[in-house]
Amino acid sequence: MSHQAIKSSKLNGSLEAESKVSSPSKESPQSEVTPRATRRRFSTSYKLRILAQADRCTKKGEIGALLRGEGLYSSHLSTWRTQRDQGELGSKKLGRPVGDPSEKEMAHLRLENERLQAKLDKAEIIIDVQKKLSSLLGLDTKATE
């Protein structure tokens, strides 16, 4: 509550002045939902242009002004410089790396071979158990065939 509202309420002996001052404003709060932030993506030409401008900066504070003007961070510059020096700037493609199709098929065939080998081992164990059971019961294996 403001200083003047307190004085007027004391002078008038009523709370009318106080209620006028402390009443909520007629503007309602903004109830609109803001959109979700998305990651910024910079083109190779943009990165190279900014790096060239940063390399031309000689006076103290010029790089900071450049970064503020473009809405960038110093980490952008250091990352882009490293990529440029290693020859990786712009060469990285988006998405999953595409492997050799024959390697993918080979991996698939290895998994299938392991699965079939496990199945064969189980079948051999079952056959051994059946042979032992038939010998215990005195059944002739040739007669059952």
N, C-alpha and C. Protein backbone atom coordinates (compact mmCIF):
# COMPACT_ATOMS: atom_id res chain seq x y z
N MET A 1 0.86 -1.17 0.00
CA MET A 1 0.00 0.00 0.00
C MET A 1 0.90 1.23 0.00
N SER A 2 0.51 2.24 -0.75
CA SER A 2 1.36 3.43 -0.88
C SER A 2 1.24 4.33 0.34
N HIS A 3 2.19 5.21 0.46
CA HIS A 3 2.26 6.13 1.59
C HIS A 3 1.06 7.09 1.59
N GLN A 4 0.68 7.54 0.41
CA GLN A 4 -0.46 8.48 0.32
C GLN A 4 -1.77 7.80 0.69
N ALA A 5 -1.91 6.53 0.33
CA ALA A 5 -3.14 5.82 0.65
C ALA A 5 -3.28 5.67 2.16
N ILE A 6 -2.19 5.45 2.85
CA ILE A 6 -2.24 5.32 4.30
C ILE A 6 -2.65 6.65 4.94
N LYS A 7 -2.06 7.75 4.44
CA LYS A 7 -2.41 9.07 4.98
C LYS A 7 -3.88 9.37 4.77
N SER A 8 -4.37 9.11 3.55
CA SER A 8 -5.76 9.45 3.27
C SER A 8 -6.72 8.59 4.08
N SER A 9 -6.35 7.32 4.32
CA SER A 9 -7.24 6.47 5.11
C SER A 9 -7.25 6.90 6.57
N LYS A 10 -6.11 7.41 7.05
CA LYS A 10 -6.07 7.91 8.42
C LYS A 10 -6.86 9.20 8.54
N LEU A 11 -6.73 10.04 7.54
CA LEU A 11 -7.43 11.32 7.59
C LEU A 11 -8.93 11.15 7.47
N ASN A 12 -9.36 10.34 6.54
CA ASN A 12 -10.79 10.15 6.30
C ASN A 12 -11.41 9.21 7.32
N GLY A 13 -10.59 8.38 7.91
CA GLY A 13 -11.14 7.44 8.88
C GLY A 13 -11.88 6.31 8.21
N SER A 14 -11.74 6.20 6.94
CA SER A 14 -12.41 5.11 6.22
C SER A 14 -11.39 4.35 5.37
N LEU A 15 -11.82 3.27 4.88
CA LEU A 15 -10.94 2.44 4.07
C LEU A 15 -11.21 2.61 2.58
N GLU A 16 -12.00 3.64 2.22
CA GLU A 16 -12.34 3.82 0.81
C GLU A 16 -11.10 4.11 -0.01
N ALA A 17 -10.27 5.01 0.45
CA ALA A 17 -9.07 5.36 -0.31
C ALA A 17 -8.13 4.18 -0.41
N GLU A 18 -8.07 3.41 0.68
CA GLU A 18 -7.18 2.24 0.68
C GLU A 18 -7.66 1.21 -0.31
N SER A 19 -8.96 0.98 -0.40
CA SER A 19 -9.50 -0.02 -1.30
C SER A 19 -9.32 0.41 -2.75
N LYS A 20 -9.34 1.72 -3.02
CA LYS A 20 -9.14 2.19 -4.38
C LYS A 20 -7.72 1.94 -4.84
N VAL A 21 -6.78 2.13 -3.96
CA VAL A 21 -5.38 1.96 -4.31
C VAL A 21 -5.02 0.49 -4.45
N SER A 22 -5.53 -0.34 -3.56
CA SER A 22 -5.12 -1.74 -3.54
C SER A 22 -5.98 -2.63 -4.43
N SER A 23 -6.95 -2.07 -5.14
CA SER A 23 -7.78 -2.90 -6.00
C SER A 23 -6.96 -3.42 -7.17
N PRO A 24 -7.29 -4.60 -7.63
CA PRO A 24 -6.53 -5.18 -8.74
C PRO A 24 -6.73 -4.37 -10.01
N SER A 25 -5.71 -4.35 -10.83
CA SER A 25 -5.79 -3.59 -12.07
C SER A 25 -6.77 -4.25 -13.02
N LYS A 26 -7.27 -3.46 -13.96
CA LYS A 26 -8.27 -3.97 -14.89
C LYS A 26 -7.64 -4.86 -15.95
N GLU A 27 -6.30 -4.82 -16.07
CA GLU A 27 -5.63 -5.68 -17.04
C GLU A 27 -5.52 -7.09 -16.45
N SER A 28 -5.96 -8.08 -17.21
CA SER A 28 -5.86 -9.45 -16.73
C SER A 28 -4.50 -10.01 -17.12
N PRO A 29 -4.01 -10.94 -16.33
CA PRO A 29 -2.71 -11.52 -16.66
C PRO A 29 -2.80 -12.30 -17.96
N GLN A 30 -1.69 -12.36 -18.66
CA GLN A 30 -1.67 -13.04 -19.94
C GLN A 30 -1.77 -14.54 -19.69
N SER A 31 -2.79 -15.16 -20.26
CA SER A 31 -3.02 -16.58 -20.01
C SER A 31 -2.62 -17.43 -21.21
N GLU A 32 -1.96 -16.84 -22.17
CA GLU A 32 -1.57 -17.57 -23.37
C GLU A 32 -0.33 -18.42 -23.08
N VAL A 33 -0.34 -19.64 -23.56
CA VAL A 33 0.77 -20.55 -23.36
C VAL A 33 1.83 -20.28 -24.42
N THR A 34 3.06 -20.14 -23.98
CA THR A 34 4.13 -19.88 -24.94
C THR A 34 4.55 -21.19 -25.59
N PRO A 35 4.97 -21.14 -26.85
CA PRO A 35 5.37 -22.38 -27.52
C PRO A 35 6.66 -22.93 -26.92
N ARG A 36 6.84 -24.23 -27.07
CA ARG A 36 8.01 -24.90 -26.53
C ARG A 36 9.26 -24.48 -27.32
N ALA A 37 10.33 -24.27 -26.61
CA ALA A 37 11.57 -23.83 -27.25
C ALA A 37 12.16 -24.94 -28.11
N THR A 38 12.76 -24.55 -29.21
CA THR A 38 13.41 -25.51 -30.08
C THR A 38 14.90 -25.19 -30.17
N ARG A 39 15.68 -26.20 -30.43
CA ARG A 39 17.12 -26.02 -30.54
C ARG A 39 17.43 -25.27 -31.82
N ARG A 40 18.31 -24.28 -31.68
CA ARG A 40 18.70 -23.50 -32.86
C ARG A 40 19.68 -24.32 -33.70
N ARG A 41 19.57 -24.16 -35.00
CA ARG A 41 20.48 -24.84 -35.92
C ARG A 41 21.11 -23.78 -36.80
N PHE A 42 22.41 -23.88 -36.95
CA PHE A 42 23.15 -22.90 -37.71
C PHE A 42 23.71 -23.56 -38.97
N SER A 43 23.59 -22.88 -40.10
CA SER A 43 24.12 -23.42 -41.34
C SER A 43 25.64 -23.27 -41.35
N THR A 44 26.28 -24.03 -42.21
CA THR A 44 27.74 -23.98 -42.32
C THR A 44 28.19 -22.61 -42.78
N SER A 45 27.46 -22.03 -43.73
CA SER A 45 27.86 -20.70 -44.23
C SER A 45 27.76 -19.65 -43.12
N TYR A 46 26.74 -19.75 -42.27
CA TYR A 46 26.59 -18.82 -41.16
C TYR A 46 27.75 -18.97 -40.18
N LYS A 47 28.08 -20.22 -39.84
CA LYS A 47 29.18 -20.46 -38.90
C LYS A 47 30.48 -19.90 -39.44
N LEU A 48 30.75 -20.14 -40.72
CA LEU A 48 31.99 -19.64 -41.32
C LEU A 48 32.01 -18.12 -41.36
N ARG A 49 30.85 -17.50 -41.63
CA ARG A 49 30.77 -16.04 -41.67
C ARG A 49 31.05 -15.46 -40.29
N ILE A 50 30.46 -16.03 -39.26
CA ILE A 50 30.67 -15.54 -37.89
C ILE A 50 32.12 -15.74 -37.47
N LEU A 51 32.71 -16.89 -37.82
CA LEU A 51 34.11 -17.14 -37.48
C LEU A 51 35.02 -16.13 -38.17
N ALA A 52 34.71 -15.80 -39.43
CA ALA A 52 35.53 -14.82 -40.15
C ALA A 52 35.41 -13.45 -39.49
N GLN A 53 34.20 -13.07 -39.09
CA GLN A 53 34.01 -11.79 -38.41
C GLN A 53 34.74 -11.77 -37.07
N ALA A 54 34.69 -12.88 -36.34
CA ALA A 54 35.36 -12.95 -35.04
C ALA A 54 36.88 -12.89 -35.21
N ASP A 55 37.39 -13.50 -36.29
CA ASP A 55 38.83 -13.46 -36.53
C ASP A 55 39.30 -12.05 -36.89
N ARG A 56 38.42 -11.24 -37.48
CA ARG A 56 38.77 -9.86 -37.84
C ARG A 56 38.73 -8.91 -36.65
N CYS A 57 38.12 -9.33 -35.54
CA CYS A 57 38.02 -8.47 -34.37
C CYS A 57 39.39 -8.31 -33.73
N THR A 58 39.79 -7.04 -33.53
CA THR A 58 41.11 -6.77 -32.95
C THR A 58 41.01 -6.02 -31.62
N LYS A 59 40.00 -5.19 -31.47
CA LYS A 59 39.86 -4.40 -30.25
C LYS A 59 39.18 -5.21 -29.15
N LYS A 60 39.48 -4.79 -27.93
CA LYS A 60 38.88 -5.45 -26.77
C LYS A 60 37.38 -5.20 -26.77
N GLY A 61 36.61 -6.24 -26.61
CA GLY A 61 35.16 -6.13 -26.52
C GLY A 61 34.44 -6.29 -27.85
N GLU A 62 35.16 -6.34 -28.96
CA GLU A 62 34.48 -6.49 -30.25
C GLU A 62 33.84 -7.86 -30.40
N ILE A 63 34.54 -8.89 -29.92
CA ILE A 63 33.97 -10.25 -30.04
C ILE A 63 32.72 -10.35 -29.18
N GLY A 64 32.76 -9.77 -27.98
CA GLY A 64 31.58 -9.79 -27.12
C GLY A 64 30.40 -9.08 -27.76
N ALA A 65 30.68 -7.95 -28.41
CA ALA A 65 29.61 -7.21 -29.09
C ALA A 65 29.05 -8.04 -30.25
N LEU A 66 29.93 -8.71 -30.97
CA LEU A 66 29.48 -9.56 -32.08
C LEU A 66 28.59 -10.68 -31.55
N LEU A 67 29.02 -11.32 -30.48
CA LEU A 67 28.23 -12.42 -29.91
C LEU A 67 26.88 -11.94 -29.39
N ARG A 68 26.87 -10.79 -28.70
CA ARG A 68 25.59 -10.25 -28.21
C ARG A 68 24.67 -9.89 -29.37
N GLY A 69 25.24 -9.30 -30.41
CA GLY A 69 24.43 -8.90 -31.57
C GLY A 69 23.80 -10.09 -32.28
N GLU A 70 24.52 -11.20 -32.30
CA GLU A 70 24.03 -12.40 -32.98
C GLU A 70 23.27 -13.34 -32.05
N GLY A 71 23.32 -13.07 -30.75
CA GLY A 71 22.64 -13.94 -29.78
C GLY A 71 23.36 -15.26 -29.60
N LEU A 72 24.69 -15.22 -29.62
CA LEU A 72 25.50 -16.44 -29.50
C LEU A 72 26.27 -16.44 -28.20
N TYR A 73 26.85 -17.60 -27.88
CA TYR A 73 27.69 -17.75 -26.70
C TYR A 73 29.12 -17.99 -27.15
N SER A 74 30.05 -17.74 -26.25
CA SER A 74 31.46 -17.94 -26.59
C SER A 74 31.74 -19.42 -26.86
N SER A 75 30.95 -20.31 -26.25
CA SER A 75 31.14 -21.74 -26.49
C SER A 75 30.84 -22.10 -27.95
N HIS A 76 29.91 -21.35 -28.58
CA HIS A 76 29.65 -21.58 -30.00
C HIS A 76 30.93 -21.35 -30.80
N LEU A 77 31.59 -20.22 -30.52
CA LEU A 77 32.81 -19.89 -31.26
C LEU A 77 33.89 -20.95 -31.04
N SER A 78 34.09 -21.36 -29.80
CA SER A 78 35.16 -22.33 -29.53
C SER A 78 34.85 -23.67 -30.20
N THR A 79 33.61 -24.09 -30.16
CA THR A 79 33.23 -25.36 -30.81
C THR A 79 33.40 -25.26 -32.31
N TRP A 80 32.93 -24.16 -32.90
CA TRP A 80 33.03 -23.99 -34.35
C TRP A 80 34.48 -23.88 -34.79
N ARG A 81 35.32 -23.22 -34.00
CA ARG A 81 36.74 -23.12 -34.36
C ARG A 81 37.40 -24.50 -34.34
N THR A 82 37.07 -25.30 -33.33
CA THR A 82 37.62 -26.65 -33.25
C THR A 82 37.18 -27.47 -34.45
N GLN A 83 35.90 -27.37 -34.79
CA GLN A 83 35.39 -28.11 -35.94
C GLN A 83 36.06 -27.65 -37.23
N ARG A 84 36.27 -26.34 -37.37
CA ARG A 84 36.91 -25.80 -38.57
C ARG A 84 38.35 -26.29 -38.66
N ASP A 85 39.07 -26.28 -37.53
CA ASP A 85 40.47 -26.70 -37.54
C ASP A 85 40.62 -28.19 -37.84
N GLN A 86 39.65 -28.98 -37.43
CA GLN A 86 39.71 -30.42 -37.68
C GLN A 86 39.08 -30.81 -39.01
N GLY A 87 38.52 -29.83 -39.73
CA GLY A 87 37.91 -30.11 -41.03
C GLY A 87 36.55 -30.75 -40.93
N GLU A 88 35.92 -30.64 -39.78
CA GLU A 88 34.61 -31.27 -39.57
C GLU A 88 33.45 -30.30 -39.74
N LEU A 89 33.74 -29.04 -39.94
CA LEU A 89 32.67 -28.05 -40.01
C LEU A 89 31.85 -28.25 -41.28
N GLY A 90 30.61 -28.61 -41.11
CA GLY A 90 29.71 -28.79 -42.24
C GLY A 90 29.73 -30.18 -42.83
N SER A 91 30.66 -31.03 -42.43
CA SER A 91 30.71 -32.36 -43.02
C SER A 91 29.79 -33.34 -42.32
N LYS A 92 29.36 -33.00 -41.11
CA LYS A 92 28.51 -33.90 -40.34
C LYS A 92 27.08 -33.83 -40.86
N LYS A 93 26.52 -34.99 -41.18
CA LYS A 93 25.16 -35.06 -41.66
C LYS A 93 24.23 -35.41 -40.50
N LEU A 94 23.00 -34.94 -40.58
CA LEU A 94 22.02 -35.24 -39.55
C LEU A 94 21.49 -36.65 -39.72
N GLY A 95 21.08 -37.24 -38.64
CA GLY A 95 20.49 -38.56 -38.68
C GLY A 95 21.48 -39.63 -38.26
N ARG A 96 21.02 -40.85 -38.31
CA ARG A 96 21.87 -41.97 -37.93
C ARG A 96 22.90 -42.24 -39.02
N PRO A 97 24.08 -42.66 -38.61
CA PRO A 97 25.08 -42.99 -39.62
C PRO A 97 24.66 -44.25 -40.38
N VAL A 98 24.86 -44.20 -41.67
CA VAL A 98 24.46 -45.32 -42.51
C VAL A 98 25.63 -46.29 -42.59
N GLY A 99 25.41 -47.51 -42.16
CA GLY A 99 26.46 -48.52 -42.18
C GLY A 99 26.42 -49.31 -43.48
N ASP A 100 27.41 -50.16 -43.64
CA ASP A 100 27.47 -51.02 -44.80
C ASP A 100 26.36 -52.06 -44.70
N PRO A 101 25.55 -52.24 -45.74
CA PRO A 101 24.44 -53.20 -45.66
C PRO A 101 24.92 -54.64 -45.43
N SER A 102 26.10 -54.98 -45.96
CA SER A 102 26.58 -56.34 -45.77
C SER A 102 26.94 -56.59 -44.30
N GLU A 103 27.44 -55.56 -43.60
CA GLU A 103 27.74 -55.71 -42.18
C GLU A 103 26.46 -55.91 -41.38
N LYS A 104 25.42 -55.19 -41.76
CA LYS A 104 24.13 -55.33 -41.07
C LYS A 104 23.58 -56.74 -41.28
N GLU A 105 23.68 -57.24 -42.50
CA GLU A 105 23.18 -58.58 -42.79
C GLU A 105 24.02 -59.63 -42.05
N MET A 106 25.34 -59.38 -41.98
CA MET A 106 26.22 -60.32 -41.28
C MET A 106 25.85 -60.39 -39.80
N ALA A 107 25.57 -59.27 -39.18
CA ALA A 107 25.19 -59.24 -37.77
C ALA A 107 23.87 -59.98 -37.57
N HIS A 108 22.93 -59.78 -38.50
CA HIS A 108 21.64 -60.47 -38.42
C HIS A 108 21.83 -61.98 -38.53
N LEU A 109 22.69 -62.41 -39.45
CA LEU A 109 22.92 -63.84 -39.63
C LEU A 109 23.63 -64.46 -38.42
N ARG A 110 24.53 -63.71 -37.79
CA ARG A 110 25.19 -64.21 -36.58
C ARG A 110 24.18 -64.45 -35.47
N LEU A 111 23.26 -63.48 -35.29
CA LEU A 111 22.23 -63.65 -34.25
C LEU A 111 21.35 -64.86 -34.53
N GLU A 112 20.98 -65.03 -35.80
CA GLU A 112 20.14 -66.17 -36.16
C GLU A 112 20.89 -67.48 -35.94
N ASN A 113 22.20 -67.49 -36.26
CA ASN A 113 23.01 -68.69 -36.06
C ASN A 113 23.09 -69.04 -34.58
N GLU A 114 23.28 -68.05 -33.71
CA GLU A 114 23.32 -68.29 -32.27
C GLU A 114 22.00 -68.84 -31.77
N ARG A 115 20.89 -68.31 -32.27
CA ARG A 115 19.57 -68.77 -31.86
C ARG A 115 19.35 -70.23 -32.27
N LEU A 116 19.74 -70.56 -33.51
CA LEU A 116 19.56 -71.92 -33.99
C LEU A 116 20.48 -72.91 -33.27
N GLN A 117 21.69 -72.44 -32.92
CA GLN A 117 22.63 -73.30 -32.19
C GLN A 117 22.07 -73.64 -30.80
N ALA A 118 21.46 -72.65 -30.14
CA ALA A 118 20.85 -72.89 -28.82
C ALA A 118 19.68 -73.87 -28.95
N LYS A 119 18.93 -73.74 -30.02
CA LYS A 119 17.79 -74.64 -30.24
C LYS A 119 18.28 -76.07 -30.49
N LEU A 120 19.37 -76.21 -31.24
CA LEU A 120 19.95 -77.53 -31.51
C LEU A 120 20.47 -78.16 -30.23
N ASP A 121 21.12 -77.37 -29.38
CA ASP A 121 21.62 -77.91 -28.10
C ASP A 121 20.48 -78.45 -27.25
N LYS A 122 19.37 -77.72 -27.21
CA LYS A 122 18.20 -78.20 -26.45
C LYS A 122 17.67 -79.51 -27.02
N ALA A 123 17.60 -79.60 -28.36
CA ALA A 123 17.09 -80.82 -29.00
C ALA A 123 18.00 -82.00 -28.70
N GLU A 124 19.32 -81.81 -28.72
CA GLU A 124 20.25 -82.90 -28.41
C GLU A 124 20.08 -83.37 -26.97
N ILE A 125 19.85 -82.46 -26.04
CA ILE A 125 19.63 -82.84 -24.64
C ILE A 125 18.36 -83.66 -24.52
N ILE A 126 17.32 -83.27 -25.21
CA ILE A 126 16.04 -84.01 -25.15
C ILE A 126 16.23 -85.42 -25.72
N ILE A 127 16.96 -85.55 -26.81
CA ILE A 127 17.19 -86.86 -27.42
C ILE A 127 17.99 -87.74 -26.48
N ASP A 128 19.01 -87.18 -25.81
CA ASP A 128 19.80 -87.96 -24.85
C ASP A 128 18.92 -88.45 -23.70
N VAL A 129 18.04 -87.61 -23.20
CA VAL A 129 17.13 -87.99 -22.11
C VAL A 129 16.20 -89.10 -22.57
N GLN A 130 15.71 -89.01 -23.80
CA GLN A 130 14.82 -90.05 -24.31
C GLN A 130 15.54 -91.39 -24.44
N LYS A 131 16.81 -91.35 -24.88
CA LYS A 131 17.58 -92.60 -24.99
C LYS A 131 17.79 -93.23 -23.62
N LYS A 132 18.14 -92.43 -22.63
CA LYS A 132 18.37 -92.95 -21.28
C LYS A 132 17.08 -93.51 -20.69
N LEU A 133 15.97 -92.83 -20.94
CA LEU A 133 14.68 -93.29 -20.42
C LEU A 133 14.29 -94.62 -21.06
N SER A 134 14.51 -94.72 -22.34
CA SER A 134 14.14 -95.97 -23.01
C SER A 134 15.02 -97.13 -22.55
N SER A 135 16.29 -96.85 -22.26
CA SER A 135 17.17 -97.93 -21.76
C SER A 135 16.78 -98.33 -20.34
N LEU A 136 16.33 -97.37 -19.51
CA LEU A 136 15.88 -97.68 -18.16
C LEU A 136 14.59 -98.51 -18.16
N LEU A 137 13.71 -98.21 -19.09
CA LEU A 137 12.44 -98.93 -19.17
C LEU A 137 12.60 -100.26 -19.91
N GLY A 138 13.75 -100.47 -20.48
CA GLY A 138 14.02 -101.72 -21.17
C GLY A 138 13.39 -101.77 -22.54
N LEU A 139 13.12 -100.65 -23.12
CA LEU A 139 12.55 -100.62 -24.46
C LEU A 139 13.70 -100.69 -25.47
N ASP A 140 13.45 -101.45 -26.51
CA ASP A 140 14.45 -101.57 -27.56
C ASP A 140 14.26 -100.40 -28.53
N THR A 141 15.32 -99.64 -28.76
CA THR A 141 15.18 -98.47 -29.63
C THR A 141 14.87 -98.86 -31.06
N LYS A 142 15.28 -100.07 -31.51
CA LYS A 142 14.98 -100.49 -32.86
C LYS A 142 13.51 -100.89 -32.99
N ALA A 143 12.91 -101.40 -31.92
CA ALA A 143 11.52 -101.81 -31.95
C ALA A 143 10.59 -100.59 -31.98
N THR A 144 11.02 -99.50 -31.36
CA THR A 144 10.16 -98.32 -31.35
C THR A 144 10.19 -97.58 -32.68
N GLU A 145 11.24 -97.80 -33.43
CA GLU A 145 11.31 -97.14 -34.73
C GLU A 145 10.35 -97.80 -35.65
